[in-house]
Amino acid sequence: MTINEYQSLAMRTLNPALSKKDVLINGVMGLCGESGEAIDLVKKHLAQGHALDREGLIKELGDVAWYLAETAYALDVDLETVLAGNIEKLRRRYPQGFEREKSIDRTDER
């Protein structure tokens, strides 16, 4: 499945009663909420001595993907465009691959 196919299939489960504005708000809030659930699993592993709930974390990543697809849909952009733009930004920032110094000093991006 391609990322755009995922977005199309995922958006079949979008609440059709929501306005575009509400879809945007729901998408961004959902990203925050699901990311919080993901970090909570990692926190329990690192700070509380729990075994890493790998399957739970994978499910949370799927939820993050759904809300990413929803947010992009609200902006009338497909996920391939979002991801391609991110790769282009990373290529400009790290043309030779990750460099610690470039991750600290990003003044050239402003």
PDB file of N, CA and C in Angstrom:
ATOM      1  N   MET A   1       0.843  -1.174   0.000  1.00  0.00           N
ATOM      2  CA  MET A   1       0.000   0.000   0.000  1.00  0.00           C
ATOM      3  C   MET A   1       0.890   1.239   0.000  1.00  0.00           C
ATOM      4  N   THR A   2       0.525   2.220  -0.792  1.00  0.00           N
ATOM      5  CA  THR A   2       1.259   3.478  -0.786  1.00  0.00           C
ATOM      6  C   THR A   2       0.721   4.364   0.336  1.00  0.00           C
ATOM      7  N   ILE A   3       1.473   5.401   0.658  1.00  0.00           N
ATOM      8  CA  ILE A   3       1.045   6.319   1.715  1.00  0.00           C
ATOM      9  C   ILE A   3      -0.249   7.034   1.335  1.00  0.00           C
ATOM     10  N   ASN A   4      -0.412   7.367   0.059  1.00  0.00           N
ATOM     11  CA  ASN A   4      -1.655   8.021  -0.364  1.00  0.00           C
ATOM     12  C   ASN A   4      -2.837   7.057  -0.340  1.00  0.00           C
ATOM     13  N   GLU A   5      -2.583   5.782  -0.629  1.00  0.00           N
ATOM     14  CA  GLU A   5      -3.650   4.784  -0.498  1.00  0.00           C
ATOM     15  C   GLU A   5      -4.066   4.674   0.964  1.00  0.00           C
ATOM     16  N   TYR A   6      -3.073   4.672   1.859  1.00  0.00           N
ATOM     17  CA  TYR A   6      -3.377   4.651   3.294  1.00  0.00           C
ATOM     18  C   TYR A   6      -4.274   5.827   3.657  1.00  0.00           C
ATOM     19  N   GLN A   7      -3.884   7.026   3.218  1.00  0.00           N
ATOM     20  CA  GLN A   7      -4.652   8.220   3.554  1.00  0.00           C
ATOM     21  C   GLN A   7      -6.096   8.089   3.046  1.00  0.00           C
ATOM     22  N   SER A   8      -6.255   7.635   1.826  1.00  0.00           N
ATOM     23  CA  SER A   8      -7.590   7.479   1.253  1.00  0.00           C
ATOM     24  C   SER A   8      -8.417   6.475   2.053  1.00  0.00           C
ATOM     25  N   LEU A   9      -7.823   5.338   2.390  1.00  0.00           N
ATOM     26  CA  LEU A   9      -8.542   4.320   3.160  1.00  0.00           C
ATOM     27  C   LEU A   9      -8.846   4.804   4.575  1.00  0.00           C
ATOM     28  N   ALA A  10      -7.899   5.473   5.189  1.00  0.00           N
ATOM     29  CA  ALA A  10      -8.095   5.974   6.550  1.00  0.00           C
ATOM     30  C   ALA A  10      -9.205   7.020   6.586  1.00  0.00           C
ATOM     31  N   MET A  11      -9.250   7.858   5.577  1.00  0.00           N
ATOM     32  CA  MET A  11     -10.245   8.933   5.576  1.00  0.00           C
ATOM     33  C   MET A  11     -11.668   8.431   5.335  1.00  0.00           C
ATOM     34  N   ARG A  12     -11.797   7.175   4.979  1.00  0.00           N
ATOM     35  CA  ARG A  12     -13.134   6.583   4.889  1.00  0.00           C
ATOM     36  C   ARG A  12     -13.772   6.495   6.272  1.00  0.00           C
ATOM     37  N   THR A  13     -12.951   6.551   7.326  1.00  0.00           N
ATOM     38  CA  THR A  13     -13.464   6.462   8.696  1.00  0.00           C
ATOM     39  C   THR A  13     -13.565   7.834   9.359  1.00  0.00           C
ATOM     40  N   LEU A  14     -13.365   8.888   8.591  1.00  0.00           N
ATOM     41  CA  LEU A  14     -13.496  10.250   9.098  1.00  0.00           C
ATOM     42  C   LEU A  14     -14.970  10.582   9.318  1.00  0.00           C
ATOM     43  N   ASN A  15     -15.264  11.280  10.388  1.00  0.00           N
ATOM     44  CA  ASN A  15     -16.635  11.680  10.685  1.00  0.00           C
ATOM     45  C   ASN A  15     -17.110  12.677   9.628  1.00  0.00           C
ATOM     46  N   PRO A  16     -18.072  12.310   8.787  1.00  0.00           N
ATOM     47  CA  PRO A  16     -18.507  13.195   7.698  1.00  0.00           C
ATOM     48  C   PRO A  16     -19.267  14.427   8.188  1.00  0.00           C
ATOM     49  N   ALA A  17     -19.669  14.446   9.449  1.00  0.00           N
ATOM     50  CA  ALA A  17     -20.413  15.588   9.984  1.00  0.00           C
ATOM     51  C   ALA A  17     -19.495  16.758  10.350  1.00  0.00           C
ATOM     52  N   LEU A  18     -18.186  16.509  10.364  1.00  0.00           N
ATOM     53  CA  LEU A  18     -17.255  17.566  10.761  1.00  0.00           C
ATOM     54  C   LEU A  18     -16.995  18.534   9.621  1.00  0.00           C
ATOM     55  N   SER A  19     -16.903  19.805   9.956  1.00  0.00           N
ATOM     56  CA  SER A  19     -16.478  20.815   8.981  1.00  0.00           C
ATOM     57  C   SER A  19     -14.976  20.677   8.770  1.00  0.00           C
ATOM     58  N   LYS A  20     -14.450  21.310   7.712  1.00  0.00           N
ATOM     59  CA  LYS A  20     -13.002  21.265   7.454  1.00  0.00           C
ATOM     60  C   LYS A  20     -12.233  21.810   8.656  1.00  0.00           C
ATOM     61  N   LYS A  21     -12.744  22.905   9.252  1.00  0.00           N
ATOM     62  CA  LYS A  21     -12.100  23.492  10.430  1.00  0.00           C
ATOM     63  C   LYS A  21     -12.061  22.482  11.579  1.00  0.00           C
ATOM     64  N   ASP A  22     -13.175  21.781  11.800  1.00  0.00           N
ATOM     65  CA  ASP A  22     -13.216  20.788  12.871  1.00  0.00           C
ATOM     66  C   ASP A  22     -12.323  19.595  12.577  1.00  0.00           C
ATOM     67  N   VAL A  23     -12.205  19.222  11.311  1.00  0.00           N
ATOM     68  CA  VAL A  23     -11.296  18.138  10.928  1.00  0.00           C
ATOM     69  C   VAL A  23      -9.859  18.549  11.255  1.00  0.00           C
ATOM     70  N   LEU A  24      -9.502  19.784  10.942  1.00  0.00           N
ATOM     71  CA  LEU A  24      -8.158  20.281  11.250  1.00  0.00           C
ATOM     72  C   LEU A  24      -7.892  20.263  12.754  1.00  0.00           C
ATOM     73  N   ILE A  25      -8.835  20.789  13.515  1.00  0.00           N
ATOM     74  CA  ILE A  25      -8.675  20.831  14.977  1.00  0.00           C
ATOM     75  C   ILE A  25      -8.585  19.419  15.540  1.00  0.00           C
ATOM     76  N   ASN A  26      -9.473  18.541  15.100  1.00  0.00           N
ATOM     77  CA  ASN A  26      -9.449  17.156  15.578  1.00  0.00           C
ATOM     78  C   ASN A  26      -8.139  16.466  15.218  1.00  0.00           C
ATOM     79  N   GLY A  27      -7.649  16.728  13.999  1.00  0.00           N
ATOM     80  CA  GLY A  27      -6.409  16.101  13.561  1.00  0.00           C
ATOM     81  C   GLY A  27      -5.217  16.522  14.400  1.00  0.00           C
ATOM     82  N   VAL A  28      -5.082  17.809  14.642  1.00  0.00           N
ATOM     83  CA  VAL A  28      -3.936  18.291  15.420  1.00  0.00           C
ATOM     84  C   VAL A  28      -4.045  17.857  16.879  1.00  0.00           C
ATOM     85  N   MET A  29      -5.258  17.925  17.436  1.00  0.00           N
ATOM     86  CA  MET A  29      -5.430  17.448  18.814  1.00  0.00           C
ATOM     87  C   MET A  29      -5.152  15.950  18.905  1.00  0.00           C
ATOM     88  N   GLY A  30      -5.599  15.213  17.902  1.00  0.00           N
ATOM     89  CA  GLY A  30      -5.347  13.771  17.888  1.00  0.00           C
ATOM     90  C   GLY A  30      -3.866  13.452  17.802  1.00  0.00           C
ATOM     91  N   LEU A  31      -3.128  14.215  16.990  1.00  0.00           N
ATOM     92  CA  LEU A  31      -1.672  14.016  16.920  1.00  0.00           C
ATOM     93  C   LEU A  31      -1.035  14.196  18.291  1.00  0.00           C
ATOM     94  N   CYS A  32      -1.449  15.249  18.989  1.00  0.00           N
ATOM     95  CA  CYS A  32      -0.899  15.503  20.325  1.00  0.00           C
ATOM     96  C   CYS A  32      -1.265  14.382  21.298  1.00  0.00           C
ATOM     97  N   GLY A  33      -2.518  13.982  21.268  1.00  0.00           N
ATOM     98  CA  GLY A  33      -2.972  12.952  22.191  1.00  0.00           C
ATOM     99  C   GLY A  33      -2.303  11.608  21.958  1.00  0.00           C
ATOM    100  N   GLU A  34      -2.242  11.190  20.713  1.00  0.00           N
ATOM    101  CA  GLU A  34      -1.646   9.889  20.407  1.00  0.00           C
ATOM    102  C   GLU A  34      -0.134   9.905  20.622  1.00  0.00           C
ATOM    103  N   SER A  35       0.507  11.029  20.340  1.00  0.00           N
ATOM    104  CA  SER A  35       1.943  11.143  20.622  1.00  0.00           C
ATOM    105  C   SER A  35       2.184  11.042  22.125  1.00  0.00           C
ATOM    106  N   GLY A  36       1.275  11.638  22.903  1.00  0.00           N
ATOM    107  CA  GLY A  36       1.371  11.526  24.356  1.00  0.00           C
ATOM    108  C   GLY A  36       1.226  10.088  24.832  1.00  0.00           C
ATOM    109  N   GLU A  37       0.332   9.346  24.212  1.00  0.00           N
ATOM    110  CA  GLU A  37       0.184   7.943  24.582  1.00  0.00           C
ATOM    111  C   GLU A  37       1.432   7.147  24.228  1.00  0.00           C
ATOM    112  N   ALA A  38       2.063   7.486  23.102  1.00  0.00           N
ATOM    113  CA  ALA A  38       3.298   6.801  22.706  1.00  0.00           C
ATOM    114  C   ALA A  38       4.424   7.095  23.698  1.00  0.00           C
ATOM    115  N   ILE A  39       4.586   8.363  24.063  1.00  0.00           N
ATOM    116  CA  ILE A  39       5.671   8.698  24.991  1.00  0.00           C
ATOM    117  C   ILE A  39       5.407   8.114  26.372  1.00  0.00           C
ATOM    118  N   ASP A  40       4.141   7.966  26.749  1.00  0.00           N
ATOM    119  CA  ASP A  40       3.831   7.362  28.044  1.00  0.00           C
ATOM    120  C   ASP A  40       4.316   5.917  28.095  1.00  0.00           C
ATOM    121  N   LEU A  41       4.177   5.194  26.994  1.00  0.00           N
ATOM    122  CA  LEU A  41       4.687   3.815  26.959  1.00  0.00           C
ATOM    123  C   LEU A  41       6.207   3.788  27.094  1.00  0.00           C
ATOM    124  N   VAL A  42       6.883   4.724  26.437  1.00  0.00           N
ATOM    125  CA  VAL A  42       8.348   4.788  26.526  1.00  0.00           C
ATOM    126  C   VAL A  42       8.772   5.222  27.932  1.00  0.00           C
ATOM    127  N   LYS A  43       8.050   6.176  28.524  1.00  0.00           N
ATOM    128  CA  LYS A  43       8.338   6.618  29.893  1.00  0.00           C
ATOM    129  C   LYS A  43       8.233   5.453  30.870  1.00  0.00           C
ATOM    130  N   LYS A  44       7.173   4.667  30.755  1.00  0.00           N
ATOM    131  CA  LYS A  44       7.002   3.518  31.636  1.00  0.00           C
ATOM    132  C   LYS A  44       8.163   2.552  31.494  1.00  0.00           C
ATOM    133  N   HIS A  45       8.658   2.410  30.284  1.00  0.00           N
ATOM    134  CA  HIS A  45       9.795   1.521  30.029  1.00  0.00           C
ATOM    135  C   HIS A  45      11.085   2.098  30.623  1.00  0.00           C
ATOM    136  N   LEU A  46      11.368   3.358  30.323  1.00  0.00           N
ATOM    137  CA  LEU A  46      12.651   3.950  30.728  1.00  0.00           C
ATOM    138  C   LEU A  46      12.695   4.385  32.185  1.00  0.00           C
ATOM    139  N   ALA A  47      11.586   4.904  32.702  1.00  0.00           N
ATOM    140  CA  ALA A  47      11.624   5.495  34.040  1.00  0.00           C
ATOM    141  C   ALA A  47      10.970   4.637  35.117  1.00  0.00           C
ATOM    142  N   GLN A  48      10.155   3.679  34.705  1.00  0.00           N
ATOM    143  CA  GLN A  48       9.427   2.902  35.708  1.00  0.00           C
ATOM    144  C   GLN A  48       9.738   1.415  35.672  1.00  0.00           C
ATOM    145  N   GLY A  49      10.661   1.019  34.804  1.00  0.00           N
ATOM    146  CA  GLY A  49      11.110  -0.360  34.786  1.00  0.00           C
ATOM    147  C   GLY A  49      10.181  -1.349  34.112  1.00  0.00           C
ATOM    148  N   HIS A  50       9.176  -0.865  33.387  1.00  0.00           N
ATOM    149  CA  HIS A  50       8.284  -1.783  32.662  1.00  0.00           C
ATOM    150  C   HIS A  50       9.005  -2.326  31.425  1.00  0.00           C
ATOM    151  N   ALA A  51       8.586  -3.481  31.000  1.00  0.00           N
ATOM    152  CA  ALA A  51       9.049  -3.974  29.702  1.00  0.00           C
ATOM    153  C   ALA A  51       8.477  -3.046  28.639  1.00  0.00           C
ATOM    154  N   LEU A  52       9.230  -2.821  27.587  1.00  0.00           N
ATOM    155  CA  LEU A  52       8.721  -1.983  26.507  1.00  0.00           C
ATOM    156  C   LEU A  52       7.527  -2.682  25.857  1.00  0.00           C
ATOM    157  N   ASP A  53       6.398  -2.006  25.831  1.00  0.00           N
ATOM    158  CA  ASP A  53       5.194  -2.534  25.189  1.00  0.00           C
ATOM    159  C   ASP A  53       5.291  -2.241  23.696  1.00  0.00           C
ATOM    160  N   ARG A  54       6.061  -3.078  23.028  1.00  0.00           N
ATOM    161  CA  ARG A  54       6.332  -2.871  21.603  1.00  0.00           C
ATOM    162  C   ARG A  54       5.049  -2.883  20.775  1.00  0.00           C
ATOM    163  N   GLU A  55       4.186  -3.840  21.022  1.00  0.00           N
ATOM    164  CA  GLU A  55       2.935  -3.931  20.268  1.00  0.00           C
ATOM    165  C   GLU A  55       2.049  -2.721  20.538  1.00  0.00           C
ATOM    166  N   GLY A  56       1.995  -2.284  21.790  1.00  0.00           N
ATOM    167  CA  GLY A  56       1.216  -1.099  22.117  1.00  0.00           C
ATOM    168  C   GLY A  56       1.768   0.136  21.430  1.00  0.00           C
ATOM    169  N   LEU A  57       3.093   0.240  21.387  1.00  0.00           N
ATOM    170  CA  LEU A  57       3.725   1.385  20.734  1.00  0.00           C
ATOM    171  C   LEU A  57       3.449   1.374  19.230  1.00  0.00           C
ATOM    172  N   ILE A  58       3.489   0.210  18.631  1.00  0.00           N
ATOM    173  CA  ILE A  58       3.177   0.093  17.194  1.00  0.00           C
ATOM    174  C   ILE A  58       1.736   0.539  16.938  1.00  0.00           C
ATOM    175  N   LYS A  59       0.812   0.155  17.806  1.00  0.00           N
ATOM    176  CA  LYS A  59      -0.585   0.593  17.649  1.00  0.00           C
ATOM    177  C   LYS A  59      -0.707   2.106  17.779  1.00  0.00           C
ATOM    178  N   GLU A  60       0.026   2.679  18.728  1.00  0.00           N
ATOM    179  CA  GLU A  60      -0.015   4.140  18.887  1.00  0.00           C
ATOM    180  C   GLU A  60       0.557   4.833  17.651  1.00  0.00           C
ATOM    181  N   LEU A  61       1.600   4.271  17.065  1.00  0.00           N
ATOM    182  CA  LEU A  61       2.143   4.852  15.835  1.00  0.00           C
ATOM    183  C   LEU A  61       1.097   4.822  14.718  1.00  0.00           C
ATOM    184  N   GLY A  62       0.311   3.770  14.665  1.00  0.00           N
ATOM    185  CA  GLY A  62      -0.776   3.702  13.689  1.00  0.00           C
ATOM    186  C   GLY A  62      -1.798   4.798  13.932  1.00  0.00           C
ATOM    187  N   ASP A  63      -2.099   5.067  15.210  1.00  0.00           N
ATOM    188  CA  ASP A  63      -3.035   6.141  15.530  1.00  0.00           C
ATOM    189  C   ASP A  63      -2.460   7.502  15.150  1.00  0.00           C
ATOM    190  N   VAL A  64      -1.165   7.689  15.386  1.00  0.00           N
ATOM    191  CA  VAL A  64      -0.501   8.937  14.968  1.00  0.00           C
ATOM    192  C   VAL A  64      -0.624   9.083  13.449  1.00  0.00           C
ATOM    193  N   ALA A  65      -0.418   7.995  12.722  1.00  0.00           N
ATOM    194  CA  ALA A  65      -0.518   8.036  11.258  1.00  0.00           C
ATOM    195  C   ALA A  65      -1.924   8.447  10.830  1.00  0.00           C
ATOM    196  N   TRP A  66      -2.947   7.936  11.517  1.00  0.00           N
ATOM    197  CA  TRP A  66      -4.321   8.288  11.156  1.00  0.00           C
ATOM    198  C   TRP A  66      -4.551   9.789  11.316  1.00  0.00           C
ATOM    199  N   TYR A  67      -4.108  10.328  12.445  1.00  0.00           N
ATOM    200  CA  TYR A  67      -4.316  11.759  12.678  1.00  0.00           C
ATOM    201  C   TYR A  67      -3.443  12.616  11.768  1.00  0.00           C
ATOM    202  N   LEU A  68      -2.283  12.129  11.378  1.00  0.00           N
ATOM    203  CA  LEU A  68      -1.472  12.833  10.387  1.00  0.00           C
ATOM    204  C   LEU A  68      -2.218  12.884   9.058  1.00  0.00           C
ATOM    205  N   ALA A  69      -2.795  11.748   8.671  1.00  0.00           N
ATOM    206  CA  ALA A  69      -3.577  11.705   7.427  1.00  0.00           C
ATOM    207  C   ALA A  69      -4.762  12.654   7.505  1.00  0.00           C
ATOM    208  N   GLU A  70      -5.426  12.706   8.653  1.00  0.00           N
ATOM    209  CA  GLU A  70      -6.581  13.594   8.819  1.00  0.00           C
ATOM    210  C   GLU A  70      -6.165  15.057   8.723  1.00  0.00           C
ATOM    211  N   THR A  71      -5.069  15.411   9.375  1.00  0.00           N
ATOM    212  CA  THR A  71      -4.612  16.794   9.348  1.00  0.00           C
ATOM    213  C   THR A  71      -4.228  17.205   7.932  1.00  0.00           C
ATOM    214  N   ALA A  72      -3.531  16.332   7.224  1.00  0.00           N
ATOM    215  CA  ALA A  72      -3.178  16.632   5.830  1.00  0.00           C
ATOM    216  C   ALA A  72      -4.435  16.769   4.979  1.00  0.00           C
ATOM    217  N   TYR A  73      -5.405  15.906   5.188  1.00  0.00           N
ATOM    218  CA  TYR A  73      -6.679  15.977   4.457  1.00  0.00           C
ATOM    219  C   TYR A  73      -7.341  17.331   4.688  1.00  0.00           C
ATOM    220  N   ALA A  74      -7.324  17.800   5.939  1.00  0.00           N
ATOM    221  CA  ALA A  74      -7.927  19.093   6.261  1.00  0.00           C
ATOM    222  C   ALA A  74      -7.234  20.234   5.529  1.00  0.00           C
ATOM    223  N   LEU A  75      -5.967  20.044   5.213  1.00  0.00           N
ATOM    224  CA  LEU A  75      -5.192  21.059   4.480  1.00  0.00           C
ATOM    225  C   LEU A  75      -5.239  20.843   2.970  1.00  0.00           C
ATOM    226  N   ASP A  76      -6.005  19.846   2.535  1.00  0.00           N
ATOM    227  CA  ASP A  76      -6.120  19.505   1.111  1.00  0.00           C
ATOM    228  C   ASP A  76      -4.771  19.148   0.491  1.00  0.00           C
ATOM    229  N   VAL A  77      -3.997  18.363   1.216  1.00  0.00           N
ATOM    230  CA  VAL A  77      -2.695  17.914   0.725  1.00  0.00           C
ATOM    231  C   VAL A  77      -2.591  16.405   0.969  1.00  0.00           C
ATOM    232  N   ASP A  78      -1.969  15.698   0.046  1.00  0.00           N
ATOM    233  CA  ASP A  78      -1.798  14.261   0.251  1.00  0.00           C
ATOM    234  C   ASP A  78      -0.526  14.001   1.057  1.00  0.00           C
ATOM    235  N   LEU A  79      -0.493  12.832   1.685  1.00  0.00           N
ATOM    236  CA  LEU A  79       0.636  12.495   2.557  1.00  0.00           C
ATOM    237  C   LEU A  79       1.948  12.388   1.794  1.00  0.00           C
ATOM    238  N   GLU A  80       1.900  11.947   0.552  1.00  0.00           N
ATOM    239  CA  GLU A  80       3.136  11.862  -0.228  1.00  0.00           C
ATOM    240  C   GLU A  80       3.777  13.244  -0.363  1.00  0.00           C
ATOM    241  N   THR A  81       2.966  14.260  -0.582  1.00  0.00           N
ATOM    242  CA  THR A  81       3.483  15.626  -0.684  1.00  0.00           C
ATOM    243  C   THR A  81       4.084  16.080   0.647  1.00  0.00           C
ATOM    244  N   VAL A  82       3.395  15.779   1.748  1.00  0.00           N
ATOM    245  CA  VAL A  82       3.905  16.136   3.079  1.00  0.00           C
ATOM    246  C   VAL A  82       5.263  15.471   3.321  1.00  0.00           C
ATOM    247  N   LEU A  83       5.327  14.165   3.057  1.00  0.00           N
ATOM    248  CA  LEU A  83       6.559  13.421   3.328  1.00  0.00           C
ATOM    249  C   LEU A  83       7.686  13.823   2.386  1.00  0.00           C
ATOM    250  N   ALA A  84       7.377  14.065   1.129  1.00  0.00           N
ATOM    251  CA  ALA A  84       8.402  14.503   0.172  1.00  0.00           C
ATOM    252  C   ALA A  84       8.963  15.861   0.584  1.00  0.00           C
ATOM    253  N   GLY A  85       8.097  16.763   1.042  1.00  0.00           N
ATOM    254  CA  GLY A  85       8.562  18.064   1.515  1.00  0.00           C
ATOM    255  C   GLY A  85       9.469  17.940   2.717  1.00  0.00           C
ATOM    256  N   ASN A  86       9.169  17.007   3.598  1.00  0.00           N
ATOM    257  CA  ASN A  86      10.015  16.790   4.765  1.00  0.00           C
ATOM    258  C   ASN A  86      11.382  16.254   4.367  1.00  0.00           C
ATOM    259  N   ILE A  87      11.424  15.330   3.424  1.00  0.00           N
ATOM    260  CA  ILE A  87      12.698  14.796   2.949  1.00  0.00           C
ATOM    261  C   ILE A  87      13.525  15.892   2.300  1.00  0.00           C
ATOM    262  N   GLU A  88      12.891  16.756   1.524  1.00  0.00           N
ATOM    263  CA  GLU A  88      13.623  17.864   0.895  1.00  0.00           C
ATOM    264  C   GLU A  88      14.209  18.796   1.947  1.00  0.00           C
ATOM    265  N   LYS A  89      13.449  19.092   2.980  1.00  0.00           N
ATOM    266  CA  LYS A  89      13.948  19.934   4.072  1.00  0.00           C
ATOM    267  C   LYS A  89      15.148  19.275   4.744  1.00  0.00           C
ATOM    268  N   LEU A  90      15.065  17.968   4.992  1.00  0.00           N
ATOM    269  CA  LEU A  90      16.166  17.248   5.627  1.00  0.00           C
ATOM    270  C   LEU A  90      17.400  17.199   4.727  1.00  0.00           C
ATOM    271  N   ARG A  91      17.193  17.066   3.432  1.00  0.00           N
ATOM    272  CA  ARG A  91      18.335  17.075   2.494  1.00  0.00           C
ATOM    273  C   ARG A  91      19.052  18.411   2.525  1.00  0.00           C
ATOM    274  N   ARG A  92      18.284  19.498   2.611  1.00  0.00           N
ATOM    275  CA  ARG A  92      18.909  20.823   2.695  1.00  0.00           C
ATOM    276  C   ARG A  92      19.646  20.995   4.021  1.00  0.00           C
ATOM    277  N   ARG A  93      19.030  20.532   5.095  1.00  0.00           N
ATOM    278  CA  ARG A  93      19.609  20.700   6.424  1.00  0.00           C
ATOM    279  C   ARG A  93      20.836  19.816   6.615  1.00  0.00           C
ATOM    280  N   TYR A  94      20.769  18.591   6.132  1.00  0.00           N
ATOM    281  CA  TYR A  94      21.842  17.609   6.327  1.00  0.00           C
ATOM    282  C   TYR A  94      22.239  16.998   4.981  1.00  0.00           C
ATOM    283  N   PRO A  95      22.877  17.754   4.105  1.00  0.00           N
ATOM    284  CA  PRO A  95      23.180  17.239   2.761  1.00  0.00           C
ATOM    285  C   PRO A  95      24.104  16.015   2.775  1.00  0.00           C
ATOM    286  N   GLN A  96      24.923  15.874   3.786  1.00  0.00           N
ATOM    287  CA  GLN A  96      25.833  14.725   3.886  1.00  0.00           C
ATOM    288  C   GLN A  96      25.341  13.714   4.924  1.00  0.00           C
ATOM    289  N   GLY A  97      24.114  13.847   5.362  1.00  0.00           N
ATOM    290  CA  GLY A  97      23.607  13.023   6.450  1.00  0.00           C
ATOM    291  C   GLY A  97      23.671  13.817   7.752  1.00  0.00           C
ATOM    292  N   PHE A  98      23.198  13.230   8.825  1.00  0.00           N
ATOM    293  CA  PHE A  98      23.119  13.942  10.101  1.00  0.00           C
ATOM    294  C   PHE A  98      24.478  14.449  10.554  1.00  0.00           C
ATOM    295  N   GLU A  99      24.496  15.683  10.990  1.00  0.00           N
ATOM    296  CA  GLU A  99      25.676  16.286  11.621  1.00  0.00           C
ATOM    297  C   GLU A  99      25.200  17.014  12.865  1.00  0.00           C
ATOM    298  N   ARG A 100      25.830  16.691  13.995  1.00  0.00           N
ATOM    299  CA  ARG A 100      25.439  17.284  15.267  1.00  0.00           C
ATOM    300  C   ARG A 100      25.451  18.804  15.205  1.00  0.00           C
ATOM    301  N   GLU A 101      26.489  19.377  14.623  1.00  0.00           N
ATOM    302  CA  GLU A 101      26.620  20.829  14.577  1.00  0.00           C
ATOM    303  C   GLU A 101      25.452  21.477  13.836  1.00  0.00           C
ATOM    304  N   LYS A 102      25.019  20.843  12.739  1.00  0.00           N
ATOM    305  CA  LYS A 102      23.908  21.403  11.966  1.00  0.00           C
ATOM    306  C   LYS A 102      22.585  21.260  12.711  1.00  0.00           C
ATOM    307  N   SER A 103      22.512  20.314  13.623  1.00  0.00           N
ATOM    308  CA  SER A 103      21.290  20.161  14.409  1.00  0.00           C
ATOM    309  C   SER A 103      21.216  21.212  15.516  1.00  0.00           C
ATOM    310  N   ILE A 104      22.368  21.754  15.900  1.00  0.00           N
ATOM    311  CA  ILE A 104      22.406  22.777  16.954  1.00  0.00           C
ATOM    312  C   ILE A 104      22.221  24.171  16.342  1.00  0.00           C
ATOM    313  N   ASP A 105      22.993  24.489  15.324  1.00  0.00           N
ATOM    314  CA  ASP A 105      22.947  25.805  14.698  1.00  0.00           C
ATOM    315  C   ASP A 105      22.115  25.723  13.419  1.00  0.00           C
ATOM    316  N   ARG A 106      20.867  26.169  13.524  1.00  0.00           N
ATOM    317  CA  ARG A 106      19.974  26.137  12.369  1.00  0.00           C
ATOM    318  C   ARG A 106      19.568  27.549  11.973  1.00  0.00           C
ATOM    319  N   THR A 107      20.463  28.514  12.169  1.00  0.00           N
ATOM    320  CA  THR A 107      20.151  29.906  11.858  1.00  0.00           C
ATOM    321  C   THR A 107      19.920  30.106  10.367  1.00  0.00           C
ATOM    322  N   ASP A 108      20.533  29.273   9.535  1.00  0.00           N
ATOM    323  CA  ASP A 108      20.364  29.424   8.094  1.00  0.00           C
ATOM    324  C   ASP A 108      18.954  29.060   7.624  1.00  0.00           C
ATOM    325  N   GLU A 109      18.120  28.491   8.487  1.00  0.00           N
ATOM    326  CA  GLU A 109      16.773  28.087   8.105  1.00  0.00           C
ATOM    327  C   GLU A 109      15.752  29.195   8.316  1.00  0.00           C
ATOM    328  N   ARG A 110      16.117  30.259   8.952  1.00  0.00           N
ATOM    329  CA  ARG A 110      15.149  31.314   9.266  1.00  0.00           C
ATOM    330  C   ARG A 110      14.940  32.262   8.148  1.00  0.00           C
TER     331      ARG A 110
END
